[in-house]
Amino acid sequence: MTTALVLRAQGIGHLLTAVPALRALRRSGIRIALACPPELSELAALTGVVDRLIPAYGLEPIMWPGLTDRNSDLPFFPEIAVNLHGRGPRSTELLADLRPRRLWAYAEEAYPPGPKWEDDEHETRRWCRLVEWYGLKADPRDLLLPPPMMPSPAAGAVVIHPGGTGLSRRWPPERFAEVARAMAGEDLPVVVTGSRKERPLALLVATQAVLPPQIVLAGRTSLRELCAVVAGARLVISSDTGVSQLATAYGTPSVTIFGPERPERWGPPRERPRHQALRRDADPASVTTSDVLRAASAVLNDGLVRR
């Protein structure tokens, strides 16, 4: 069976938007060795298409003993290297340095011809189009994940996720607190999620919402447990970050505040109205608390906004 080394060495959202392209590779009979951060190993396993994980971060060299030896008997020697990381040239160079027999990537002068990069393309469609150019059939709608085989520690809760990479993409914590307080005022269970580093932010949101610290799950869940929380949630409210992509992957109703990035590139599929993407301009703070509560009411039809 042909093996592909696939580079996607970024975060949760990046991995999830590449799932349809990864599934297209698997349906064509290709085994997948995924080069991505090792902390995403649980999520990679949940996709059901990754045979081996190769630790990789960003544009650092890919370290896997034996990869450059064409006579290697390693079971995952890559006949194909697939660049699902970016447009290149550096990401393409990293894969070319491994001397695969075939290299699939967006067009670069120094490498074999590929499709043309389109700046405004949705991230999921972008990677589907890449593998389609090489003859595979891909469906950008093929985003859903099976729920993890474990119970949620907060089934039916409204998940408030105030963190995320990049301060410019975060909605103000005091507004998350206002939303959390409004949800709790409607007798809805609320939890605040995040990483260990984001736990102080999550505690701040809970404090400003006048909610007990016990509702703060940030720093207390593994990635698989976070997946279970999102899969079993009633609603997820977050900035433009990986948790919003998890909500899409599990079909959990969601409200995502965008800025500076546009939802046309990273937002949920338009044919899924239970996922609301909000953006006014490049600053996420331009989205108001009322905007978020109205969107939450729309996806839940629970009358969270009293008119």
C-alpha atoms as a PDB file:
ATOM      1  CA  MET A   1       0.000   0.000   0.000  1.00  0.00           C
ATOM      2  CA  THR A   2       1.265   3.478  -0.869  1.00  0.00           C
ATOM      3  CA  THR A   3       2.242   5.671   2.082  1.00  0.00           C
ATOM      4  CA  ALA A   4       2.019   9.460   2.211  1.00  0.00           C
ATOM      5  CA  LEU A   5       3.809  11.725   4.629  1.00  0.00           C
ATOM      6  CA  VAL A   6       1.370  14.623   5.163  1.00  0.00           C
ATOM      7  CA  LEU A   7       2.603  17.874   6.673  1.00  0.00           C
ATOM      8  CA  ARG A   8       0.036  19.784   8.770  1.00  0.00           C
ATOM      9  CA  ALA A   9       2.152  20.945  11.723  1.00  0.00           C
ATOM     10  CA  GLN A  10      -0.233  23.491  13.232  1.00  0.00           C
ATOM     11  CA  GLY A  11      -3.116  23.600  15.735  1.00  0.00           C
ATOM     12  CA  ILE A  12      -6.509  21.989  16.328  1.00  0.00           C
ATOM     13  CA  GLY A  13      -8.407  24.069  13.778  1.00  0.00           C
ATOM     14  CA  HIS A  14      -5.791  23.488  11.097  1.00  0.00           C
ATOM     15  CA  LEU A  15      -5.951  19.727  11.581  1.00  0.00           C
ATOM     16  CA  LEU A  16      -9.762  19.673  11.503  1.00  0.00           C
ATOM     17  CA  THR A  17     -10.033  21.723   8.308  1.00  0.00           C
ATOM     18  CA  ALA A  18      -7.702  19.228   6.628  1.00  0.00           C
ATOM     19  CA  VAL A  19      -9.829  16.181   7.552  1.00  0.00           C
ATOM     20  CA  PRO A  20     -11.743  16.002   4.224  1.00  0.00           C
ATOM     21  CA  ALA A  21      -8.463  16.006   2.284  1.00  0.00           C
ATOM     22  CA  LEU A  22      -6.987  13.360   4.609  1.00  0.00           C
ATOM     23  CA  ARG A  23     -10.066  11.195   4.110  1.00  0.00           C
ATOM     24  CA  ALA A  24      -9.728  11.564   0.349  1.00  0.00           C
ATOM     25  CA  LEU A  25      -6.187  10.194   0.622  1.00  0.00           C
ATOM     26  CA  ARG A  26      -7.366   7.252   2.718  1.00  0.00           C
ATOM     27  CA  ARG A  27     -10.272   6.407   0.378  1.00  0.00           C
ATOM     28  CA  SER A  28      -7.781   6.157  -2.467  1.00  0.00           C
ATOM     29  CA  GLY A  29      -5.892   3.451  -0.574  1.00  0.00           C
ATOM     30  CA  ILE A  30      -3.074   5.597   0.812  1.00  0.00           C
ATOM     31  CA  ARG A  31      -1.702   5.099   4.318  1.00  0.00           C
ATOM     32  CA  ILE A  32      -1.113   8.368   6.161  1.00  0.00           C
ATOM     33  CA  ALA A  33       1.843   9.379   8.312  1.00  0.00           C
ATOM     34  CA  LEU A  34       0.809  12.783   9.649  1.00  0.00           C
ATOM     35  CA  ALA A  35       3.503  15.292  10.621  1.00  0.00           C
ATOM     36  CA  CYS A  36       1.855  17.433  13.302  1.00  0.00           C
ATOM     37  CA  PRO A  37       2.368  18.509  16.938  1.00  0.00           C
ATOM     38  CA  PRO A  38       2.383  15.428  19.211  1.00  0.00           C
ATOM     39  CA  GLU A  39      -0.149  17.024  21.568  1.00  0.00           C
ATOM     40  CA  LEU A  40      -2.716  16.537  18.785  1.00  0.00           C
ATOM     41  CA  SER A  41      -2.231  12.752  18.754  1.00  0.00           C
ATOM     42  CA  GLU A  42      -5.622  12.070  20.402  1.00  0.00           C
ATOM     43  CA  LEU A  43      -7.426  14.243  17.881  1.00  0.00           C
ATOM     44  CA  ALA A  44      -5.492  12.700  14.983  1.00  0.00           C
ATOM     45  CA  ALA A  45      -6.628   9.270  16.181  1.00  0.00           C
ATOM     46  CA  LEU A  46     -10.262  10.438  16.278  1.00  0.00           C
ATOM     47  CA  THR A  47     -10.145  11.272  12.566  1.00  0.00           C
ATOM     48  CA  GLY A  48      -9.849   7.537  11.904  1.00  0.00           C
ATOM     49  CA  VAL A  49      -7.466   8.006   8.981  1.00  0.00           C
ATOM     50  CA  VAL A  50      -4.020   8.566  10.518  1.00  0.00           C
ATOM     51  CA  ASP A  51      -1.779   5.487  10.654  1.00  0.00           C
ATOM     52  CA  ARG A  52       1.244   7.097  12.269  1.00  0.00           C
ATOM     53  CA  LEU A  53       2.016  10.477  13.814  1.00  0.00           C
ATOM     54  CA  ILE A  54       5.361  12.148  13.140  1.00  0.00           C
ATOM     55  CA  PRO A  55       6.169  14.877  15.703  1.00  0.00           C
ATOM     56  CA  ALA A  56       6.478  18.219  13.910  1.00  0.00           C
ATOM     57  CA  TYR A  57       6.083  21.882  14.805  1.00  0.00           C
ATOM     58  CA  GLY A  58       5.490  24.634  12.277  1.00  0.00           C
ATOM     59  CA  LEU A  59       8.322  24.927   9.794  1.00  0.00           C
ATOM     60  CA  GLU A  60      10.920  23.059  11.825  1.00  0.00           C
ATOM     61  CA  PRO A  61      12.753  20.223  10.037  1.00  0.00           C
ATOM     62  CA  ILE A  62      10.866  16.927  10.090  1.00  0.00           C
ATOM     63  CA  MET A  63      12.862  14.455  12.168  1.00  0.00           C
ATOM     64  CA  TRP A  64      12.237  10.792  11.368  1.00  0.00           C
ATOM     65  CA  PRO A  65      15.279   8.465  11.246  1.00  0.00           C
ATOM     66  CA  GLY A  66      15.496   6.550   8.000  1.00  0.00           C
ATOM     67  CA  LEU A  67      13.243   8.798   5.947  1.00  0.00           C
ATOM     68  CA  THR A  68      16.036   9.950   3.618  1.00  0.00           C
ATOM     69  CA  ASP A  69      17.238   6.408   2.976  1.00  0.00           C
ATOM     70  CA  ARG A  70      15.604   5.155  -0.232  1.00  0.00           C
ATOM     71  CA  ASN A  71      16.511   1.587   0.749  1.00  0.00           C
ATOM     72  CA  SER A  72      14.794   1.899   4.124  1.00  0.00           C
ATOM     73  CA  ASP A  73      12.549  -1.013   5.097  1.00  0.00           C
ATOM     74  CA  LEU A  74      10.465   1.150   7.429  1.00  0.00           C
ATOM     75  CA  PRO A  75       6.783   0.284   6.912  1.00  0.00           C
ATOM     76  CA  PHE A  76       5.863   3.949   6.482  1.00  0.00           C
ATOM     77  CA  PHE A  77       8.551   5.080   4.051  1.00  0.00           C
ATOM     78  CA  PRO A  78       6.750   7.875   2.152  1.00  0.00           C
ATOM     79  CA  GLU A  79       6.312   7.308  -1.552  1.00  0.00           C
ATOM     80  CA  ILE A  80       4.332  10.583  -1.545  1.00  0.00           C
ATOM     81  CA  ALA A  81       4.860  13.762   0.455  1.00  0.00           C
ATOM     82  CA  VAL A  82       1.778  15.988   0.685  1.00  0.00           C
ATOM     83  CA  ASN A  83       1.992  19.631   1.723  1.00  0.00           C
ATOM     84  CA  LEU A  84      -1.229  20.482   3.580  1.00  0.00           C
ATOM     85  CA  HIS A  85       0.658  23.039   5.650  1.00  0.00           C
ATOM     86  CA  GLY A  86       0.838  26.114   3.440  1.00  0.00           C
ATOM     87  CA  ARG A  87       1.665  27.566   0.070  1.00  0.00           C
ATOM     88  CA  GLY A  88       5.437  27.191   0.447  1.00  0.00           C
ATOM     89  CA  PRO A  89       8.185  27.586  -0.399  1.00  0.00           C
ATOM     90  CA  ARG A  90       9.560  26.637   3.037  1.00  0.00           C
ATOM     91  CA  SER A  91       6.965  23.974   3.833  1.00  0.00           C
ATOM     92  CA  THR A  92       7.447  22.443   0.386  1.00  0.00           C
ATOM     93  CA  GLU A  93      11.233  22.510   0.851  1.00  0.00           C
ATOM     94  CA  LEU A  94      10.920  20.573   4.115  1.00  0.00           C
ATOM     95  CA  LEU A  95       9.148  17.764   2.288  1.00  0.00           C
ATOM     96  CA  ALA A  96      11.418  17.890  -0.762  1.00  0.00           C
ATOM     97  CA  ASP A  97      14.438  17.482   1.543  1.00  0.00           C
ATOM     98  CA  LEU A  98      13.097  14.026   2.452  1.00  0.00           C
ATOM     99  CA  ARG A  99      13.370  13.011  -1.218  1.00  0.00           C
ATOM    100  CA  PRO A 100       9.933  11.422  -1.671  1.00  0.00           C
ATOM    101  CA  ARG A 101       9.189   9.775  -4.981  1.00  0.00           C
ATOM    102  CA  ARG A 102       6.269  12.180  -5.514  1.00  0.00           C
ATOM    103  CA  LEU A 103       5.586  15.607  -4.034  1.00  0.00           C
ATOM    104  CA  TRP A 104       2.081  17.087  -3.924  1.00  0.00           C
ATOM    105  CA  ALA A 105       1.980  20.814  -3.235  1.00  0.00           C
ATOM    106  CA  TYR A 106       0.761  24.138  -4.518  1.00  0.00           C
ATOM    107  CA  ALA A 107       2.710  25.556  -7.449  1.00  0.00           C
ATOM    108  CA  GLU A 108       6.272  26.723  -6.785  1.00  0.00           C
ATOM    109  CA  GLU A 109       8.933  27.563  -9.352  1.00  0.00           C
ATOM    110  CA  ALA A 110      11.483  25.116  -7.959  1.00  0.00           C
ATOM    111  CA  TYR A 111       9.140  22.115  -7.779  1.00  0.00           C
ATOM    112  CA  PRO A 112       6.877  20.079 -10.051  1.00  0.00           C
ATOM    113  CA  PRO A 113       3.743  21.883 -11.235  1.00  0.00           C
ATOM    114  CA  GLY A 114       0.745  22.017  -8.935  1.00  0.00           C
ATOM    115  CA  PRO A 115      -2.504  23.975  -8.647  1.00  0.00           C
ATOM    116  CA  LYS A 116      -2.471  27.738  -8.183  1.00  0.00           C
ATOM    117  CA  TRP A 117      -2.890  29.104  -4.665  1.00  0.00           C
ATOM    118  CA  GLU A 118      -6.004  31.245  -4.098  1.00  0.00           C
ATOM    119  CA  ASP A 119      -5.730  33.668  -1.167  1.00  0.00           C
ATOM    120  CA  ASP A 120      -9.469  33.979  -0.439  1.00  0.00           C
ATOM    121  CA  GLU A 121     -10.339  30.290  -0.597  1.00  0.00           C
ATOM    122  CA  HIS A 122     -11.926  28.553   2.393  1.00  0.00           C
ATOM    123  CA  GLU A 123      -9.306  26.500   4.212  1.00  0.00           C
ATOM    124  CA  THR A 124     -11.175  23.213   3.861  1.00  0.00           C
ATOM    125  CA  ARG A 125     -11.834  23.689   0.168  1.00  0.00           C
ATOM    126  CA  ARG A 126      -8.188  24.683  -0.359  1.00  0.00           C
ATOM    127  CA  TRP A 127      -6.810  21.306   0.665  1.00  0.00           C
ATOM    128  CA  CYS A 128      -9.545  19.352  -1.071  1.00  0.00           C
ATOM    129  CA  ARG A 129      -8.682  21.180  -4.283  1.00  0.00           C
ATOM    130  CA  LEU A 130      -5.018  20.271  -3.862  1.00  0.00           C
ATOM    131  CA  VAL A 131      -5.617  16.528  -3.674  1.00  0.00           C
ATOM    132  CA  GLU A 132      -8.248  16.758  -6.422  1.00  0.00           C
ATOM    133  CA  TRP A 133      -5.605  18.280  -8.714  1.00  0.00           C
ATOM    134  CA  TYR A 134      -3.647  15.050  -8.252  1.00  0.00           C
ATOM    135  CA  GLY A 135      -6.612  12.895  -9.211  1.00  0.00           C
ATOM    136  CA  LEU A 136      -8.448  12.159  -5.957  1.00  0.00           C
ATOM    137  CA  LYS A 137     -12.083  12.794  -5.104  1.00  0.00           C
ATOM    138  CA  ALA A 138     -12.615  14.971  -2.023  1.00  0.00           C
ATOM    139  CA  ASP A 139     -15.733  16.299  -0.321  1.00  0.00           C
ATOM    140  CA  PRO A 140     -15.245  19.541   1.676  1.00  0.00           C
ATOM    141  CA  ARG A 141     -18.391  18.675   3.664  1.00  0.00           C
ATOM    142  CA  ASP A 142     -16.774  15.508   5.047  1.00  0.00           C
ATOM    143  CA  LEU A 143     -15.882  17.215   8.343  1.00  0.00           C
ATOM    144  CA  LEU A 144     -17.757  15.261  11.002  1.00  0.00           C
ATOM    145  CA  LEU A 145     -15.903  13.276  13.647  1.00  0.00           C
ATOM    146  CA  PRO A 146     -17.243  10.334  15.652  1.00  0.00           C
ATOM    147  CA  PRO A 147     -17.649  11.278  19.328  1.00  0.00           C
ATOM    148  CA  PRO A 148     -14.863  10.055  21.616  1.00  0.00           C
ATOM    149  CA  MET A 149     -15.652   6.831  23.447  1.00  0.00           C
ATOM    150  CA  MET A 150     -15.968   8.504  26.833  1.00  0.00           C
ATOM    151  CA  PRO A 151     -18.718  10.433  28.648  1.00  0.00           C
ATOM    152  CA  SER A 152     -18.676  14.205  28.772  1.00  0.00           C
ATOM    153  CA  PRO A 153     -17.944  15.679  32.216  1.00  0.00           C
ATOM    154  CA  ALA A 154     -20.414  18.460  31.367  1.00  0.00           C
ATOM    155  CA  ALA A 155     -23.117  16.955  29.171  1.00  0.00           C
ATOM    156  CA  GLY A 156     -25.685  19.478  27.959  1.00  0.00           C
ATOM    157  CA  ALA A 157     -23.706  22.507  29.112  1.00  0.00           C
ATOM    158  CA  VAL A 158     -23.118  25.802  27.354  1.00  0.00           C
ATOM    159  CA  VAL A 159     -19.378  25.897  26.681  1.00  0.00           C
ATOM    160  CA  ILE A 160     -17.701  29.294  26.954  1.00  0.00           C
ATOM    161  CA  HIS A 161     -14.194  29.235  25.466  1.00  0.00           C
ATOM    162  CA  PRO A 162     -12.542  32.666  25.893  1.00  0.00           C
ATOM    163  CA  GLY A 163      -8.998  31.734  24.855  1.00  0.00           C
ATOM    164  CA  GLY A 164      -7.306  31.095  21.554  1.00  0.00           C
ATOM    165  CA  THR A 165      -4.074  31.740  19.735  1.00  0.00           C
ATOM    166  CA  GLY A 166      -3.362  35.375  18.996  1.00  0.00           C
ATOM    167  CA  LEU A 167      -4.660  38.211  21.156  1.00  0.00           C
ATOM    168  CA  SER A 168      -5.980  40.026  18.085  1.00  0.00           C
ATOM    169  CA  ARG A 169      -8.494  37.199  17.537  1.00  0.00           C
ATOM    170  CA  ARG A 170      -9.876  37.120  21.076  1.00  0.00           C
ATOM    171  CA  TRP A 171     -13.192  38.619  22.087  1.00  0.00           C
ATOM    172  CA  PRO A 172     -12.901  40.638  25.342  1.00  0.00           C
ATOM    173  CA  PRO A 173     -13.158  38.437  28.461  1.00  0.00           C
ATOM    174  CA  GLU A 174     -15.685  40.762  30.115  1.00  0.00           C
ATOM    175  CA  ARG A 175     -18.079  40.123  27.228  1.00  0.00           C
ATOM    176  CA  PHE A 176     -17.664  36.365  27.544  1.00  0.00           C
ATOM    177  CA  ALA A 177     -18.521  36.906  31.218  1.00  0.00           C
ATOM    178  CA  GLU A 178     -21.690  38.829  30.305  1.00  0.00           C
ATOM    179  CA  VAL A 179     -22.764  36.015  27.992  1.00  0.00           C
ATOM    180  CA  ALA A 180     -21.975  33.356  30.602  1.00  0.00           C
ATOM    181  CA  ARG A 181     -24.011  35.261  33.204  1.00  0.00           C
ATOM    182  CA  ALA A 182     -26.938  35.576  30.784  1.00  0.00           C
ATOM    183  CA  MET A 183     -26.845  31.848  30.029  1.00  0.00           C
ATOM    184  CA  ALA A 184     -26.711  30.939  33.700  1.00  0.00           C
ATOM    185  CA  GLY A 185     -29.604  33.344  34.282  1.00  0.00           C
ATOM    186  CA  GLU A 186     -31.668  31.193  31.937  1.00  0.00           C
ATOM    187  CA  ASP A 187     -30.931  28.160  34.166  1.00  0.00           C
ATOM    188  CA  LEU A 188     -28.538  26.718  31.609  1.00  0.00           C
ATOM    189  CA  PRO A 189     -25.442  24.920  32.932  1.00  0.00           C
ATOM    190  CA  VAL A 190     -22.273  26.772  31.936  1.00  0.00           C
ATOM    191  CA  VAL A 191     -18.638  25.636  31.801  1.00  0.00           C
ATOM    192  CA  VAL A 192     -15.530  27.599  30.805  1.00  0.00           C
ATOM    193  CA  THR A 193     -12.879  25.690  28.857  1.00  0.00           C
ATOM    194  CA  GLY A 194      -9.314  26.327  27.813  1.00  0.00           C
ATOM    195  CA  SER A 195      -5.755  25.088  28.083  1.00  0.00           C
ATOM    196  CA  ARG A 196      -3.646  25.066  31.228  1.00  0.00           C
ATOM    197  CA  LYS A 197      -2.082  28.389  30.193  1.00  0.00           C
ATOM    198  CA  GLU A 198      -5.560  29.829  29.676  1.00  0.00           C
ATOM    199  CA  ARG A 199      -6.854  28.823  33.116  1.00  0.00           C
ATOM    200  CA  PRO A 200      -6.275  32.313  34.648  1.00  0.00           C
ATOM    201  CA  LEU A 201      -8.306  33.833  31.803  1.00  0.00           C
ATOM    202  CA  ALA A 202     -11.053  31.253  32.294  1.00  0.00           C
ATOM    203  CA  LEU A 203     -11.159  31.929  36.042  1.00  0.00           C
ATOM    204  CA  LEU A 204     -11.393  35.665  35.326  1.00  0.00           C
ATOM    205  CA  VAL A 205     -14.409  35.074  33.073  1.00  0.00           C
ATOM    206  CA  ALA A 206     -16.107  32.918  35.719  1.00  0.00           C
ATOM    207  CA  THR A 207     -15.406  35.499  38.433  1.00  0.00           C
ATOM    208  CA  GLN A 208     -16.760  38.391  36.370  1.00  0.00           C
ATOM    209  CA  ALA A 209     -19.833  36.299  35.563  1.00  0.00           C
ATOM    210  CA  VAL A 210     -20.325  35.693  39.314  1.00  0.00           C
ATOM    211  CA  LEU A 211     -20.133  31.947  38.738  1.00  0.00           C
ATOM    212  CA  PRO A 212     -18.295  29.433  40.956  1.00  0.00           C
ATOM    213  CA  PRO A 213     -14.742  28.355  40.041  1.00  0.00           C
ATOM    214  CA  GLN A 214     -15.937  24.747  39.836  1.00  0.00           C
ATOM    215  CA  ILE A 215     -17.387  25.473  36.400  1.00  0.00           C
ATOM    216  CA  VAL A 216     -13.902  26.235  35.031  1.00  0.00           C
ATOM    217  CA  LEU A 217     -12.638  23.171  33.150  1.00  0.00           C
ATOM    218  CA  ALA A 218      -9.661  25.013  31.633  1.00  0.00           C
ATOM    219  CA  GLY A 219      -6.446  23.151  32.405  1.00  0.00           C
ATOM    220  CA  ARG A 220      -8.345  20.164  33.794  1.00  0.00           C
ATOM    221  CA  THR A 221      -9.153  18.261  30.589  1.00  0.00           C
ATOM    222  CA  SER A 222      -7.099  16.300  28.113  1.00  0.00           C
ATOM    223  CA  LEU A 223      -7.701  16.960  24.428  1.00  0.00           C
ATOM    224  CA  ARG A 224      -9.886  13.851  24.219  1.00  0.00           C
ATOM    225  CA  GLU A 225     -11.902  15.036  27.228  1.00  0.00           C
ATOM    226  CA  LEU A 226     -12.286  18.469  25.628  1.00  0.00           C
ATOM    227  CA  CYS A 227     -13.614  16.720  22.526  1.00  0.00           C
ATOM    228  CA  ALA A 228     -16.127  14.887  24.716  1.00  0.00           C
ATOM    229  CA  VAL A 229     -17.187  18.182  26.326  1.00  0.00           C
ATOM    230  CA  VAL A 230     -17.764  19.822  22.934  1.00  0.00           C
ATOM    231  CA  ALA A 231     -19.469  16.757  21.453  1.00  0.00           C
ATOM    232  CA  GLY A 232     -21.911  16.634  24.363  1.00  0.00           C
ATOM    233  CA  ALA A 233     -22.484  20.375  24.712  1.00  0.00           C
ATOM    234  CA  ARG A 234     -25.718  22.220  24.104  1.00  0.00           C
ATOM    235  CA  LEU A 235     -23.887  25.233  22.659  1.00  0.00           C
ATOM    236  CA  VAL A 236     -20.297  26.406  22.143  1.00  0.00           C
ATOM    237  CA  ILE A 237     -19.411  30.120  22.209  1.00  0.00           C
ATOM    238  CA  SER A 238     -15.858  31.101  21.309  1.00  0.00           C
ATOM    239  CA  SER A 239     -13.578  33.347  19.347  1.00  0.00           C
ATOM    240  CA  ASP A 240     -12.143  32.133  16.039  1.00  0.00           C
ATOM    241  CA  THR A 241     -10.095  29.240  17.398  1.00  0.00           C
ATOM    242  CA  GLY A 242      -9.801  25.452  17.297  1.00  0.00           C
ATOM    243  CA  VAL A 243     -12.749  24.833  19.625  1.00  0.00           C
ATOM    244  CA  SER A 244     -15.090  26.429  17.086  1.00  0.00           C
ATOM    245  CA  GLN A 245     -13.822  23.922  14.521  1.00  0.00           C
ATOM    246  CA  LEU A 246     -14.463  21.130  17.038  1.00  0.00           C
ATOM    247  CA  ALA A 247     -18.061  22.309  17.344  1.00  0.00           C
ATOM    248  CA  THR A 248     -18.429  22.062  13.574  1.00  0.00           C
ATOM    249  CA  ALA A 249     -16.818  18.608  13.562  1.00  0.00           C
ATOM    250  CA  TYR A 250     -19.293  17.346  16.172  1.00  0.00           C
ATOM    251  CA  GLY A 251     -22.355  19.157  14.840  1.00  0.00           C
ATOM    252  CA  THR A 252     -22.709  21.048  18.118  1.00  0.00           C
ATOM    253  CA  PRO A 253     -24.541  24.397  17.818  1.00  0.00           C
ATOM    254  CA  SER A 254     -22.027  27.219  17.991  1.00  0.00           C
ATOM    255  CA  VAL A 255     -21.506  30.961  17.891  1.00  0.00           C
ATOM    256  CA  THR A 256     -18.057  32.110  16.776  1.00  0.00           C
ATOM    257  CA  ILE A 257     -16.779  35.676  16.951  1.00  0.00           C
ATOM    258  CA  PHE A 258     -14.434  36.463  14.047  1.00  0.00           C
ATOM    259  CA  GLY A 259     -11.874  39.202  13.463  1.00  0.00           C
ATOM    260  CA  PRO A 260      -9.449  39.957  11.931  1.00  0.00           C
ATOM    261  CA  GLU A 261      -9.855  36.735   9.914  1.00  0.00           C
ATOM    262  CA  ARG A 262     -13.023  36.377   7.848  1.00  0.00           C
ATOM    263  CA  PRO A 263     -15.445  33.458   8.250  1.00  0.00           C
ATOM    264  CA  GLU A 264     -15.359  32.961   4.469  1.00  0.00           C
ATOM    265  CA  ARG A 265     -11.912  31.440   5.033  1.00  0.00           C
ATOM    266  CA  TRP A 266     -12.240  29.714   8.407  1.00  0.00           C
ATOM    267  CA  GLY A 267     -15.915  29.725   9.314  1.00  0.00           C
ATOM    268  CA  PRO A 268     -18.443  26.884   9.429  1.00  0.00           C
ATOM    269  CA  PRO A 269     -20.072  25.648   6.212  1.00  0.00           C
ATOM    270  CA  ARG A 270     -22.855  27.973   5.108  1.00  0.00           C
ATOM    271  CA  GLU A 271     -25.290  25.099   4.744  1.00  0.00           C
ATOM    272  CA  ARG A 272     -25.156  24.481   8.514  1.00  0.00           C
ATOM    273  CA  PRO A 273     -27.320  27.226  10.098  1.00  0.00           C
ATOM    274  CA  ARG A 274     -26.754  25.924  13.641  1.00  0.00           C
ATOM    275  CA  HIS A 275     -23.217  27.330  13.432  1.00  0.00           C
ATOM    276  CA  GLN A 276     -23.326  31.150  13.489  1.00  0.00           C
ATOM    277  CA  ALA A 277     -20.246  33.184  12.488  1.00  0.00           C
ATOM    278  CA  LEU A 278     -20.223  36.828  13.614  1.00  0.00           C
ATOM    279  CA  ARG A 279     -17.937  39.559  12.244  1.00  0.00           C
ATOM    280  CA  ARG A 280     -18.331  43.315  11.884  1.00  0.00           C
ATOM    281  CA  ASP A 281     -14.777  44.374  11.023  1.00  0.00           C
ATOM    282  CA  ALA A 282     -11.165  43.372  11.705  1.00  0.00           C
ATOM    283  CA  ASP A 283     -11.548  43.915  15.465  1.00  0.00           C
ATOM    284  CA  PRO A 284     -13.527  41.131  17.174  1.00  0.00           C
ATOM    285  CA  ALA A 285     -14.501  43.655  19.864  1.00  0.00           C
ATOM    286  CA  SER A 286     -16.799  45.258  17.280  1.00  0.00           C
ATOM    287  CA  VAL A 287     -19.150  42.297  17.869  1.00  0.00           C
ATOM    288  CA  THR A 288     -21.420  43.123  20.813  1.00  0.00           C
ATOM    289  CA  THR A 289     -22.763  40.958  23.601  1.00  0.00           C
ATOM    290  CA  SER A 290     -26.257  41.445  22.173  1.00  0.00           C
ATOM    291  CA  ASP A 291     -25.021  40.159  18.803  1.00  0.00           C
ATOM    292  CA  VAL A 292     -23.805  36.968  20.450  1.00  0.00           C
ATOM    293  CA  LEU A 293     -26.943  36.442  22.529  1.00  0.00           C
ATOM    294  CA  ARG A 294     -29.159  36.929  19.479  1.00  0.00           C
ATOM    295  CA  ALA A 295     -27.095  34.393  17.543  1.00  0.00           C
ATOM    296  CA  ALA A 296     -27.267  31.955  20.451  1.00  0.00           C
ATOM    297  CA  SER A 297     -31.034  32.340  20.565  1.00  0.00           C
ATOM    298  CA  ALA A 298     -31.212  31.707  16.821  1.00  0.00           C
ATOM    299  CA  VAL A 299     -29.284  28.439  16.935  1.00  0.00           C
ATOM    300  CA  LEU A 300     -30.982  27.140  20.066  1.00  0.00           C
ATOM    301  CA  ASN A 301     -34.432  28.703  19.657  1.00  0.00           C
ATOM    302  CA  ASP A 302     -34.520  28.972  23.445  1.00  0.00           C
ATOM    303  CA  GLY A 303     -35.471  32.615  23.802  1.00  0.00           C
ATOM    304  CA  LEU A 304     -32.208  33.657  25.426  1.00  0.00           C
ATOM    305  CA  VAL A 305     -32.780  37.205  24.250  1.00  0.00           C
ATOM    306  CA  ARG A 306     -35.947  38.835  25.575  1.00  0.00           C
ATOM    307  CA  ARG A 307     -37.431  41.318  23.165  1.00  0.00           C
END
